[in-house]
Every structure is written in structure tokens, then in C-alpha cells.
């Protein structure tokens, strides 16, 4: 494996971690900046939020929903088993599992499927597809799906 590929793998791991930490802290400007200008965040309902402003707006709505549904509006995404496929020096793909905990306890879990692009030396999400595999019966996500 060449040095550039090792550096790319580390940059992509950092991108995935930075996304989770920023999202959990409500720093949605940072989350949106982790996407290419025309990047897409595809949610479990298969809606595509295209572009940084659309992504920022969507995430702001989820923050309001969480605050209204929990006594302590804290959310933590645990991301694991990141698998990376480096296509070339400017594109890559990835897959990972996530498990989310809120003040209520285990909430929901699923998979990320990512496409990455390198623009001006920075790795960004070109497309992040979120797939929900399950959720706890009394969870925040269960309530959102019922309404």
C-alpha cells in the first residue's frame, strides 16, 4: 500500500469521526461543511438533502425534535466497522455501522454507505446514505416514525 493511500484512509476515518462528533454536539455548520458543495445526505425515508444549506436545515429540524422529545437533549452516535475502498486519489467509498444512544437509552441503529470526493486537498462526503436497521420501541426515533 502506498503512502498516499494510507494518508487517504486516515483522512477518511477522521472525516467520519468529525461528522459524528459535530452532529452530536449540534454543530451543524461543521456537519454541512463535511459535504461537498453539492453533496447529498440521504435519510432512511430515501429523501435526499442536496447541498450544504439543505443538510444544515434538515439537521436543525432533528435537533428541535430531539429537544422536544427528551428531558436531556443529548444524542451519541457510535460508529464502527468502517470499511474503506479507495478508488483513486480523488474518490473513495465506505461503509460503517452506527448505534445511537439518547437520554432514554439505546435508540436506533443502522448502516452508512458513503461516497467520498477529494476537493482542493480535502476529503468530503459526496453522498452519505443512512439506512435504519432497527430502533427501540420507546425510543425517540420510534416516536418520530409514529407521527
Foldseek 3Di string as FASTA:
>chain_A
DDPLVVVVVVLVVVLVVQLQVCLQVVVLLSNLVLADQQAWEQEQVRDTQTGSVSSSVVSVVVQVLQVVPDPDSGKGKDKDDWDKADPDSFKIKIKIKIWMAGPVGTFWIFMWTFIWGADPNHIHTRYIYTHTPDTDCPHSVVVVVVD
